[in-house]
mmCIF file of all heavy atoms, coordinates in Angstrom:
data_MODEL
# 
_entry.id   MODEL 
# 
loop_
_atom_site.group_PDB 
_atom_site.id 
_atom_site.type_symbol 
_atom_site.label_atom_id 
_atom_site.label_alt_id 
_atom_site.label_comp_id 
_atom_site.label_asym_id 
_atom_site.label_entity_id 
_atom_site.label_seq_id 
_atom_site.pdbx_PDB_ins_code 
_atom_site.Cartn_x 
_atom_site.Cartn_y 
_atom_site.Cartn_z 
_atom_site.occupancy 
_atom_site.B_iso_or_equiv 
_atom_site.pdbx_formal_charge 
_atom_site.auth_seq_id 
_atom_site.auth_comp_id 
_atom_site.auth_asym_id 
_atom_site.auth_atom_id 
_atom_site.pdbx_PDB_model_num 
ATOM 1   N N   . THR A 1 1  ? 80.737 140.499 -53.101 1.00 0.00 ? 1  THR A N   1 
ATOM 2   C CA  . THR A 1 1  ? 81.390 141.346 -52.134 1.00 0.00 ? 1  THR A CA  1 
ATOM 3   C C   . THR A 1 1  ? 81.623 142.716 -52.855 1.00 0.00 ? 1  THR A C   1 
ATOM 4   O O   . THR A 1 1  ? 81.313 142.902 -54.068 1.00 0.00 ? 1  THR A O   1 
ATOM 5   C CB  . THR A 1 1  ? 82.662 140.876 -51.657 1.00 0.00 ? 1  THR A CB  1 
ATOM 6   O OG1 . THR A 1 1  ? 83.519 140.514 -52.832 1.00 0.00 ? 1  THR A OG1 1 
ATOM 7   C CG2 . THR A 1 1  ? 82.526 139.556 -50.815 1.00 0.00 ? 1  THR A CG2 1 
ATOM 8   N N   . VAL A 1 2  ? 82.060 143.742 -52.101 1.00 0.00 ? 2  VAL A N   1 
ATOM 9   C CA  . VAL A 1 2  ? 82.340 145.025 -52.594 1.00 0.00 ? 2  VAL A CA  1 
ATOM 10  C C   . VAL A 1 2  ? 83.858 145.279 -52.904 1.00 0.00 ? 2  VAL A C   1 
ATOM 11  O O   . VAL A 1 2  ? 84.687 145.091 -52.001 1.00 0.00 ? 2  VAL A O   1 
ATOM 12  C CB  . VAL A 1 2  ? 81.897 146.144 -51.654 1.00 0.00 ? 2  VAL A CB  1 
ATOM 13  C CG1 . VAL A 1 2  ? 82.235 147.558 -52.222 1.00 0.00 ? 2  VAL A CG1 1 
ATOM 14  C CG2 . VAL A 1 2  ? 80.406 146.045 -51.335 1.00 0.00 ? 2  VAL A CG2 1 
ATOM 15  N N   . ARG A 1 3  ? 84.162 145.394 -54.214 1.00 0.00 ? 3  ARG A N   1 
ATOM 16  C CA  . ARG A 1 3  ? 85.686 145.256 -54.516 1.00 0.00 ? 3  ARG A CA  1 
ATOM 17  C C   . ARG A 1 3  ? 86.121 146.363 -55.406 1.00 0.00 ? 3  ARG A C   1 
ATOM 18  O O   . ARG A 1 3  ? 87.241 146.411 -55.781 1.00 0.00 ? 3  ARG A O   1 
ATOM 19  C CB  . ARG A 1 3  ? 85.957 143.930 -55.210 1.00 0.00 ? 3  ARG A CB  1 
ATOM 20  C CG  . ARG A 1 3  ? 85.567 142.680 -54.476 1.00 0.00 ? 3  ARG A CG  1 
ATOM 21  C CD  . ARG A 1 3  ? 85.909 141.370 -55.149 1.00 0.00 ? 3  ARG A CD  1 
ATOM 22  N NE  . ARG A 1 3  ? 85.295 141.278 -56.457 1.00 0.00 ? 3  ARG A NE  1 
ATOM 23  C CZ  . ARG A 1 3  ? 84.110 140.938 -56.714 1.00 0.00 ? 3  ARG A CZ  1 
ATOM 24  N NH1 . ARG A 1 3  ? 83.223 140.646 -55.689 1.00 0.00 ? 3  ARG A NH1 1 
ATOM 25  N NH2 . ARG A 1 3  ? 83.620 140.896 -57.968 1.00 0.00 ? 3  ARG A NH2 1 
ATOM 26  N N   . MET A 1 4  ? 85.296 147.370 -55.792 1.00 0.00 ? 4  MET A N   1 
ATOM 27  C CA  . MET A 1 4  ? 85.587 148.345 -56.838 1.00 0.00 ? 4  MET A CA  1 
ATOM 28  C C   . MET A 1 4  ? 85.380 149.748 -56.237 1.00 0.00 ? 4  MET A C   1 
ATOM 29  O O   . MET A 1 4  ? 84.465 149.940 -55.396 1.00 0.00 ? 4  MET A O   1 
ATOM 30  C CB  . MET A 1 4  ? 84.816 148.159 -58.165 1.00 0.00 ? 4  MET A CB  1 
ATOM 31  C CG  . MET A 1 4  ? 85.127 146.838 -58.775 1.00 0.00 ? 4  MET A CG  1 
ATOM 32  S SD  . MET A 1 4  ? 84.107 146.578 -60.350 1.00 0.00 ? 4  MET A SD  1 
ATOM 33  C CE  . MET A 1 4  ? 84.954 147.783 -61.326 1.00 0.00 ? 4  MET A CE  1 
ATOM 34  N N   . GLY A 1 5  ? 86.121 150.711 -56.773 1.00 0.00 ? 5  GLY A N   1 
ATOM 35  C CA  . GLY A 1 5  ? 85.822 152.065 -56.502 1.00 0.00 ? 5  GLY A CA  1 
ATOM 36  C C   . GLY A 1 5  ? 86.147 152.580 -55.112 1.00 0.00 ? 5  GLY A C   1 
ATOM 37  O O   . GLY A 1 5  ? 85.765 153.777 -54.764 1.00 0.00 ? 5  GLY A O   1 
ATOM 38  N N   . GLY A 1 6  ? 86.847 151.776 -54.265 1.00 0.00 ? 6  GLY A N   1 
ATOM 39  C CA  . GLY A 1 6  ? 87.088 152.194 -52.905 1.00 0.00 ? 6  GLY A CA  1 
ATOM 40  C C   . GLY A 1 6  ? 85.906 152.315 -52.084 1.00 0.00 ? 6  GLY A C   1 
ATOM 41  O O   . GLY A 1 6  ? 85.860 152.919 -51.013 1.00 0.00 ? 6  GLY A O   1 
ATOM 42  N N   . TYR A 1 7  ? 84.762 151.698 -52.469 1.00 0.00 ? 7  TYR A N   1 
ATOM 43  C CA  . TYR A 1 7  ? 83.488 151.670 -51.725 1.00 0.00 ? 7  TYR A CA  1 
ATOM 44  C C   . TYR A 1 7  ? 83.642 150.815 -50.482 1.00 0.00 ? 7  TYR A C   1 
ATOM 45  O O   . TYR A 1 7  ? 84.375 149.716 -50.545 1.00 0.00 ? 7  TYR A O   1 
ATOM 46  C CB  . TYR A 1 7  ? 82.379 151.306 -52.491 1.00 0.00 ? 7  TYR A CB  1 
ATOM 47  C CG  . TYR A 1 7  ? 82.067 152.162 -53.720 1.00 0.00 ? 7  TYR A CG  1 
ATOM 48  C CD1 . TYR A 1 7  ? 82.165 151.713 -55.098 1.00 0.00 ? 7  TYR A CD1 1 
ATOM 49  C CD2 . TYR A 1 7  ? 81.766 153.437 -53.601 1.00 0.00 ? 7  TYR A CD2 1 
ATOM 50  C CE1 . TYR A 1 7  ? 81.982 152.432 -56.130 1.00 0.00 ? 7  TYR A CE1 1 
ATOM 51  C CE2 . TYR A 1 7  ? 81.577 154.270 -54.663 1.00 0.00 ? 7  TYR A CE2 1 
ATOM 52  C CZ  . TYR A 1 7  ? 81.785 153.777 -55.831 1.00 0.00 ? 7  TYR A CZ  1 
ATOM 53  O OH  . TYR A 1 7  ? 81.415 154.636 -57.015 1.00 0.00 ? 7  TYR A OH  1 
ATOM 54  N N   . LYS A 1 8  ? 83.124 151.184 -49.354 1.00 0.00 ? 8  LYS A N   1 
ATOM 55  C CA  . LYS A 1 8  ? 83.153 150.417 -48.133 1.00 0.00 ? 8  LYS A CA  1 
ATOM 56  C C   . LYS A 1 8  ? 81.785 149.649 -47.913 1.00 0.00 ? 8  LYS A C   1 
ATOM 57  O O   . LYS A 1 8  ? 80.811 149.991 -48.429 1.00 0.00 ? 8  LYS A O   1 
ATOM 58  C CB  . LYS A 1 8  ? 83.492 151.231 -46.984 1.00 0.00 ? 8  LYS A CB  1 
ATOM 59  C CG  . LYS A 1 8  ? 84.900 151.962 -47.126 1.00 0.00 ? 8  LYS A CG  1 
ATOM 60  C CD  . LYS A 1 8  ? 85.136 152.817 -45.910 1.00 0.00 ? 8  LYS A CD  1 
ATOM 61  C CE  . LYS A 1 8  ? 86.477 153.537 -46.177 1.00 0.00 ? 8  LYS A CE  1 
ATOM 62  N NZ  . LYS A 1 8  ? 86.817 154.401 -44.944 1.00 0.00 ? 8  LYS A NZ  1 
ATOM 63  N N   . GLY A 1 9  ? 81.952 148.714 -47.112 1.00 0.00 ? 9  GLY A N   1 
ATOM 64  C CA  . GLY A 1 9  ? 80.731 147.925 -46.741 1.00 0.00 ? 9  GLY A CA  1 
ATOM 65  C C   . GLY A 1 9  ? 80.767 146.584 -46.981 1.00 0.00 ? 9  GLY A C   1 
ATOM 66  O O   . GLY A 1 9  ? 81.553 146.146 -47.981 1.00 0.00 ? 9  GLY A O   1 
ATOM 67  N N   . ALA A 1 10 ? 80.235 145.618 -46.217 1.00 0.00 ? 10 ALA A N   1 
ATOM 68  C CA  . ALA A 1 10 ? 80.242 144.264 -46.326 1.00 0.00 ? 10 ALA A CA  1 
ATOM 69  C C   . ALA A 1 10 ? 78.971 143.668 -46.217 1.00 0.00 ? 10 ALA A C   1 
ATOM 70  O O   . ALA A 1 10 ? 78.492 143.278 -45.086 1.00 0.00 ? 10 ALA A O   1 
ATOM 71  C CB  . ALA A 1 10 ? 81.247 143.637 -45.291 1.00 0.00 ? 10 ALA A CB  1 
ATOM 72  N N   . PRO A 1 11 ? 78.001 143.771 -47.215 1.00 0.00 ? 11 PRO A N   1 
ATOM 73  C CA  . PRO A 1 11 ? 76.613 143.361 -47.060 1.00 0.00 ? 11 PRO A CA  1 
ATOM 74  C C   . PRO A 1 11 ? 76.498 141.794 -46.810 1.00 0.00 ? 11 PRO A C   1 
ATOM 75  O O   . PRO A 1 11 ? 77.415 141.080 -47.285 1.00 0.00 ? 11 PRO A O   1 
ATOM 76  C CB  . PRO A 1 11 ? 76.026 143.691 -48.413 1.00 0.00 ? 11 PRO A CB  1 
ATOM 77  C CG  . PRO A 1 11 ? 77.159 143.685 -49.352 1.00 0.00 ? 11 PRO A CG  1 
ATOM 78  C CD  . PRO A 1 11 ? 78.357 144.214 -48.572 1.00 0.00 ? 11 PRO A CD  1 
ATOM 79  N N   . LEU A 1 12 ? 75.568 141.468 -46.051 1.00 0.00 ? 12 LEU A N   1 
ATOM 80  C CA  . LEU A 1 12 ? 75.245 139.987 -45.884 1.00 0.00 ? 12 LEU A CA  1 
ATOM 81  C C   . LEU A 1 12 ? 74.922 139.408 -47.183 1.00 0.00 ? 12 LEU A C   1 
ATOM 82  O O   . LEU A 1 12 ? 74.138 140.015 -47.963 1.00 0.00 ? 12 LEU A O   1 
ATOM 83  C CB  . LEU A 1 12 ? 74.111 139.907 -44.938 1.00 0.00 ? 12 LEU A CB  1 
ATOM 84  C CG  . LEU A 1 12 ? 73.462 138.531 -44.652 1.00 0.00 ? 12 LEU A CG  1 
ATOM 85  C CD1 . LEU A 1 12 ? 74.494 137.607 -43.981 1.00 0.00 ? 12 LEU A CD1 1 
ATOM 86  C CD2 . LEU A 1 12 ? 72.198 138.514 -43.966 1.00 0.00 ? 12 LEU A CD2 1 
ATOM 87  N N   . ARG A 1 13 ? 75.492 138.278 -47.487 1.00 0.00 ? 13 ARG A N   1 
ATOM 88  C CA  . ARG A 1 13 ? 75.223 137.589 -48.680 1.00 0.00 ? 13 ARG A CA  1 
ATOM 89  C C   . ARG A 1 13 ? 74.071 136.531 -48.444 1.00 0.00 ? 13 ARG A C   1 
ATOM 90  O O   . ARG A 1 13 ? 74.183 135.672 -47.524 1.00 0.00 ? 13 ARG A O   1 
ATOM 91  C CB  . ARG A 1 13 ? 76.444 136.853 -49.291 1.00 0.00 ? 13 ARG A CB  1 
ATOM 92  C CG  . ARG A 1 13 ? 77.549 137.866 -49.550 1.00 0.00 ? 13 ARG A CG  1 
ATOM 93  C CD  . ARG A 1 13 ? 78.833 137.127 -50.027 1.00 0.00 ? 13 ARG A CD  1 
ATOM 94  N NE  . ARG A 1 13 ? 79.391 136.351 -48.929 1.00 0.00 ? 13 ARG A NE  1 
ATOM 95  C CZ  . ARG A 1 13 ? 80.561 135.757 -49.038 1.00 0.00 ? 13 ARG A CZ  1 
ATOM 96  N NH1 . ARG A 1 13 ? 81.273 135.856 -50.140 1.00 0.00 ? 13 ARG A NH1 1 
ATOM 97  N NH2 . ARG A 1 13 ? 80.956 134.989 -48.009 1.00 0.00 ? 13 ARG A NH2 1 
ATOM 98  N N   . VAL A 1 14 ? 73.050 136.539 -49.217 1.00 0.00 ? 14 VAL A N   1 
ATOM 99  C CA  . VAL A 1 14 ? 71.918 135.631 -49.037 1.00 0.00 ? 14 VAL A CA  1 
ATOM 100 C C   . VAL A 1 14 ? 71.703 134.936 -50.302 1.00 0.00 ? 14 VAL A C   1 
ATOM 101 O O   . VAL A 1 14 ? 71.723 135.476 -51.445 1.00 0.00 ? 14 VAL A O   1 
ATOM 102 C CB  . VAL A 1 14 ? 70.618 136.515 -48.732 1.00 0.00 ? 14 VAL A CB  1 
ATOM 103 C CG1 . VAL A 1 14 ? 69.389 135.545 -48.527 1.00 0.00 ? 14 VAL A CG1 1 
ATOM 104 C CG2 . VAL A 1 14 ? 70.780 137.390 -47.486 1.00 0.00 ? 14 VAL A CG2 1 
ATOM 105 N N   . VAL A 1 15 ? 71.533 133.569 -50.092 1.00 0.00 ? 15 VAL A N   1 
ATOM 106 C CA  . VAL A 1 15 ? 71.273 132.699 -51.265 1.00 0.00 ? 15 VAL A CA  1 
ATOM 107 C C   . VAL A 1 15 ? 69.931 132.002 -51.054 1.00 0.00 ? 15 VAL A C   1 
ATOM 108 O O   . VAL A 1 15 ? 69.777 131.284 -49.979 1.00 0.00 ? 15 VAL A O   1 
ATOM 109 C CB  . VAL A 1 15 ? 72.323 131.590 -51.385 1.00 0.00 ? 15 VAL A CB  1 
ATOM 110 C CG1 . VAL A 1 15 ? 72.012 130.706 -52.622 1.00 0.00 ? 15 VAL A CG1 1 
ATOM 111 C CG2 . VAL A 1 15 ? 73.781 132.268 -51.624 1.00 0.00 ? 15 VAL A CG2 1 
ATOM 112 N N   . ALA A 1 16 ? 69.027 132.059 -52.038 1.00 0.00 ? 16 ALA A N   1 
ATOM 113 C CA  . ALA A 1 16 ? 67.793 131.350 -51.940 1.00 0.00 ? 16 ALA A CA  1 
ATOM 114 C C   . ALA A 1 16 ? 68.016 130.049 -52.715 1.00 0.00 ? 16 ALA A C   1 
ATOM 115 O O   . ALA A 1 16 ? 68.246 129.964 -53.871 1.00 0.00 ? 16 ALA A O   1 
ATOM 116 C CB  . ALA A 1 16 ? 66.679 132.089 -52.744 1.00 0.00 ? 16 ALA A CB  1 
ATOM 117 N N   . ASP A 1 17 ? 68.018 128.886 -51.795 1.00 0.00 ? 17 ASP A N   1 
ATOM 118 C CA  . ASP A 1 17 ? 68.480 127.616 -52.352 1.00 0.00 ? 17 ASP A CA  1 
ATOM 119 C C   . ASP A 1 17 ? 67.677 126.544 -51.688 1.00 0.00 ? 17 ASP A C   1 
ATOM 120 O O   . ASP A 1 17 ? 68.008 125.971 -50.681 1.00 0.00 ? 17 ASP A O   1 
ATOM 121 C CB  . ASP A 1 17 ? 69.983 127.556 -51.927 1.00 0.00 ? 17 ASP A CB  1 
ATOM 122 C CG  . ASP A 1 17 ? 70.585 126.205 -52.298 1.00 0.00 ? 17 ASP A CG  1 
ATOM 123 O OD1 . ASP A 1 17 ? 69.851 125.407 -53.077 1.00 0.00 ? 17 ASP A OD1 1 
ATOM 124 O OD2 . ASP A 1 17 ? 71.653 125.909 -51.718 1.00 0.00 ? 17 ASP A OD2 1 
ATOM 125 N N   . SER A 1 18 ? 66.668 126.312 -52.220 1.00 0.00 ? 18 SER A N   1 
ATOM 126 C CA  . SER A 1 18 ? 65.592 125.375 -51.671 1.00 0.00 ? 18 SER A CA  1 
ATOM 127 C C   . SER A 1 18 ? 66.087 123.969 -51.255 1.00 0.00 ? 18 SER A C   1 
ATOM 128 O O   . SER A 1 18 ? 65.813 123.491 -50.195 1.00 0.00 ? 18 SER A O   1 
ATOM 129 C CB  . SER A 1 18 ? 64.375 125.186 -52.527 1.00 0.00 ? 18 SER A CB  1 
ATOM 130 O OG  . SER A 1 18 ? 64.654 124.781 -53.846 1.00 0.00 ? 18 SER A OG  1 
ATOM 131 N N   . GLY A 1 19 ? 67.011 123.567 -52.125 1.00 0.00 ? 19 GLY A N   1 
ATOM 132 C CA  . GLY A 1 19 ? 67.541 122.192 -51.856 1.00 0.00 ? 19 GLY A CA  1 
ATOM 133 C C   . GLY A 1 19 ? 68.856 122.186 -51.279 1.00 0.00 ? 19 GLY A C   1 
ATOM 134 O O   . GLY A 1 19 ? 69.474 120.985 -51.177 1.00 0.00 ? 19 GLY A O   1 
ATOM 135 N N   . ALA A 1 20 ? 69.396 123.272 -50.783 1.00 0.00 ? 20 ALA A N   1 
ATOM 136 C CA  . ALA A 1 20 ? 70.689 123.281 -50.084 1.00 0.00 ? 20 ALA A CA  1 
ATOM 137 C C   . ALA A 1 20 ? 71.673 122.703 -51.119 1.00 0.00 ? 20 ALA A C   1 
ATOM 138 O O   . ALA A 1 20 ? 72.644 121.937 -50.698 1.00 0.00 ? 20 ALA A O   1 
ATOM 139 C CB  . ALA A 1 20 ? 70.640 122.409 -48.765 1.00 0.00 ? 20 ALA A CB  1 
ATOM 140 N N   . ARG A 1 21 ? 71.800 123.264 -52.275 1.00 0.00 ? 21 ARG A N   1 
ATOM 141 C CA  . ARG A 1 21 ? 72.755 122.778 -53.283 1.00 0.00 ? 21 ARG A CA  1 
ATOM 142 C C   . ARG A 1 21 ? 73.958 123.686 -53.445 1.00 0.00 ? 21 ARG A C   1 
ATOM 143 O O   . ARG A 1 21 ? 74.743 123.476 -54.256 1.00 0.00 ? 21 ARG A O   1 
ATOM 144 C CB  . ARG A 1 21 ? 72.001 122.704 -54.623 1.00 0.00 ? 21 ARG A CB  1 
ATOM 145 C CG  . ARG A 1 21 ? 70.927 121.664 -54.769 1.00 0.00 ? 21 ARG A CG  1 
ATOM 146 C CD  . ARG A 1 21 ? 70.529 121.536 -56.138 1.00 0.00 ? 21 ARG A CD  1 
ATOM 147 N NE  . ARG A 1 21 ? 69.727 122.757 -56.578 1.00 0.00 ? 21 ARG A NE  1 
ATOM 148 C CZ  . ARG A 1 21 ? 69.674 123.165 -57.855 1.00 0.00 ? 21 ARG A CZ  1 
ATOM 149 N NH1 . ARG A 1 21 ? 70.330 122.411 -58.927 1.00 0.00 ? 21 ARG A NH1 1 
ATOM 150 N NH2 . ARG A 1 21 ? 68.887 124.184 -58.170 1.00 0.00 ? 21 ARG A NH2 1 
ATOM 151 N N   . THR A 1 22 ? 73.993 124.676 -52.611 1.00 0.00 ? 22 THR A N   1 
ATOM 152 C CA  . THR A 1 22 ? 75.244 125.595 -52.576 1.00 0.00 ? 22 THR A CA  1 
ATOM 153 C C   . THR A 1 22 ? 76.423 124.739 -52.371 1.00 0.00 ? 22 THR A C   1 
ATOM 154 O O   . THR A 1 22 ? 76.549 124.135 -51.287 1.00 0.00 ? 22 THR A O   1 
ATOM 155 C CB  . THR A 1 22 ? 75.042 126.707 -51.560 1.00 0.00 ? 22 THR A CB  1 
ATOM 156 O OG1 . THR A 1 22 ? 73.916 127.448 -51.815 1.00 0.00 ? 22 THR A OG1 1 
ATOM 157 C CG2 . THR A 1 22 ? 76.300 127.587 -51.604 1.00 0.00 ? 22 THR A CG2 1 
ATOM 158 N N   . PRO A 1 23 ? 77.371 124.669 -53.252 1.00 0.00 ? 23 PRO A N   1 
ATOM 159 C CA  . PRO A 1 23 ? 78.637 123.852 -53.112 1.00 0.00 ? 23 PRO A CA  1 
ATOM 160 C C   . PRO A 1 23 ? 79.453 124.390 -51.854 1.00 0.00 ? 23 PRO A C   1 
ATOM 161 O O   . PRO A 1 23 ? 79.604 125.658 -51.660 1.00 0.00 ? 23 PRO A O   1 
ATOM 162 C CB  . PRO A 1 23 ? 79.332 124.057 -54.406 1.00 0.00 ? 23 PRO A CB  1 
ATOM 163 C CG  . PRO A 1 23 ? 78.332 124.497 -55.382 1.00 0.00 ? 23 PRO A CG  1 
ATOM 164 C CD  . PRO A 1 23 ? 77.302 125.365 -54.648 1.00 0.00 ? 23 PRO A CD  1 
ATOM 165 N N   . VAL A 1 24 ? 79.968 123.551 -51.067 1.00 0.00 ? 24 VAL A N   1 
ATOM 166 C CA  . VAL A 1 24 ? 80.695 124.038 -49.866 1.00 0.00 ? 24 VAL A CA  1 
ATOM 167 C C   . VAL A 1 24 ? 82.093 124.664 -50.351 1.00 0.00 ? 24 VAL A C   1 
ATOM 168 O O   . VAL A 1 24 ? 82.617 125.391 -49.512 1.00 0.00 ? 24 VAL A O   1 
ATOM 169 C CB  . VAL A 1 24 ? 81.033 122.741 -48.876 1.00 0.00 ? 24 VAL A CB  1 
ATOM 170 C CG1 . VAL A 1 24 ? 79.799 122.268 -48.328 1.00 0.00 ? 24 VAL A CG1 1 
ATOM 171 C CG2 . VAL A 1 24 ? 81.795 121.679 -49.692 1.00 0.00 ? 24 VAL A CG2 1 
ATOM 172 N N   . GLN A 1 25 ? 82.544 124.460 -51.525 1.00 0.00 ? 25 GLN A N   1 
ATOM 173 C CA  . GLN A 1 25 ? 83.660 125.112 -52.051 1.00 0.00 ? 25 GLN A CA  1 
ATOM 174 C C   . GLN A 1 25 ? 83.349 126.364 -52.838 1.00 0.00 ? 25 GLN A C   1 
ATOM 175 O O   . GLN A 1 25 ? 84.355 126.946 -53.522 1.00 0.00 ? 25 GLN A O   1 
ATOM 176 C CB  . GLN A 1 25 ? 84.539 124.124 -52.929 1.00 0.00 ? 25 GLN A CB  1 
ATOM 177 C CG  . GLN A 1 25 ? 85.052 122.966 -52.133 1.00 0.00 ? 25 GLN A CG  1 
ATOM 178 C CD  . GLN A 1 25 ? 85.728 123.297 -51.019 1.00 0.00 ? 25 GLN A CD  1 
ATOM 179 O OE1 . GLN A 1 25 ? 86.620 124.190 -50.947 1.00 0.00 ? 25 GLN A OE1 1 
ATOM 180 N NE2 . GLN A 1 25 ? 85.602 122.584 -49.866 1.00 0.00 ? 25 GLN A NE2 1 
ATOM 181 N N   . SER A 1 26 ? 82.135 126.759 -52.919 1.00 0.00 ? 26 SER A N   1 
ATOM 182 C CA  . SER A 1 26 ? 81.832 127.960 -53.736 1.00 0.00 ? 26 SER A CA  1 
ATOM 183 C C   . SER A 1 26 ? 82.330 129.238 -52.983 1.00 0.00 ? 26 SER A C   1 
ATOM 184 O O   . SER A 1 26 ? 82.653 129.066 -51.722 1.00 0.00 ? 26 SER A O   1 
ATOM 185 C CB  . SER A 1 26 ? 80.289 128.141 -53.859 1.00 0.00 ? 26 SER A CB  1 
ATOM 186 O OG  . SER A 1 26 ? 79.704 128.203 -52.575 1.00 0.00 ? 26 SER A OG  1 
ATOM 187 N N   . ARG A 1 27 ? 82.418 130.262 -53.624 1.00 0.00 ? 27 ARG A N   1 
ATOM 188 C CA  . ARG A 1 27 ? 82.915 131.557 -53.010 1.00 0.00 ? 27 ARG A CA  1 
ATOM 189 C C   . ARG A 1 27 ? 82.001 132.004 -52.033 1.00 0.00 ? 27 ARG A C   1 
ATOM 190 O O   . ARG A 1 27 ? 82.461 132.704 -50.938 1.00 0.00 ? 27 ARG A O   1 
ATOM 191 C CB  . ARG A 1 27 ? 83.138 132.621 -54.219 1.00 0.00 ? 27 ARG A CB  1 
ATOM 192 C CG  . ARG A 1 27 ? 84.231 132.206 -55.122 1.00 0.00 ? 27 ARG A CG  1 
ATOM 193 C CD  . ARG A 1 27 ? 84.392 133.277 -56.248 1.00 0.00 ? 27 ARG A CD  1 
ATOM 194 N NE  . ARG A 1 27 ? 85.494 133.090 -57.086 1.00 0.00 ? 27 ARG A NE  1 
ATOM 195 C CZ  . ARG A 1 27 ? 85.755 133.774 -58.176 1.00 0.00 ? 27 ARG A CZ  1 
ATOM 196 N NH1 . ARG A 1 27 ? 84.924 134.706 -58.632 1.00 0.00 ? 27 ARG A NH1 1 
ATOM 197 N NH2 . ARG A 1 27 ? 86.851 133.494 -58.908 1.00 0.00 ? 27 ARG A NH2 1 
# 
């Protein structure tokens, strides 16, 4: 996410994860 310098914007986060291993409790 954008958290420094007063910059604005909320870009879409994209994860390339072939096996769907992204933990459900991950950030």
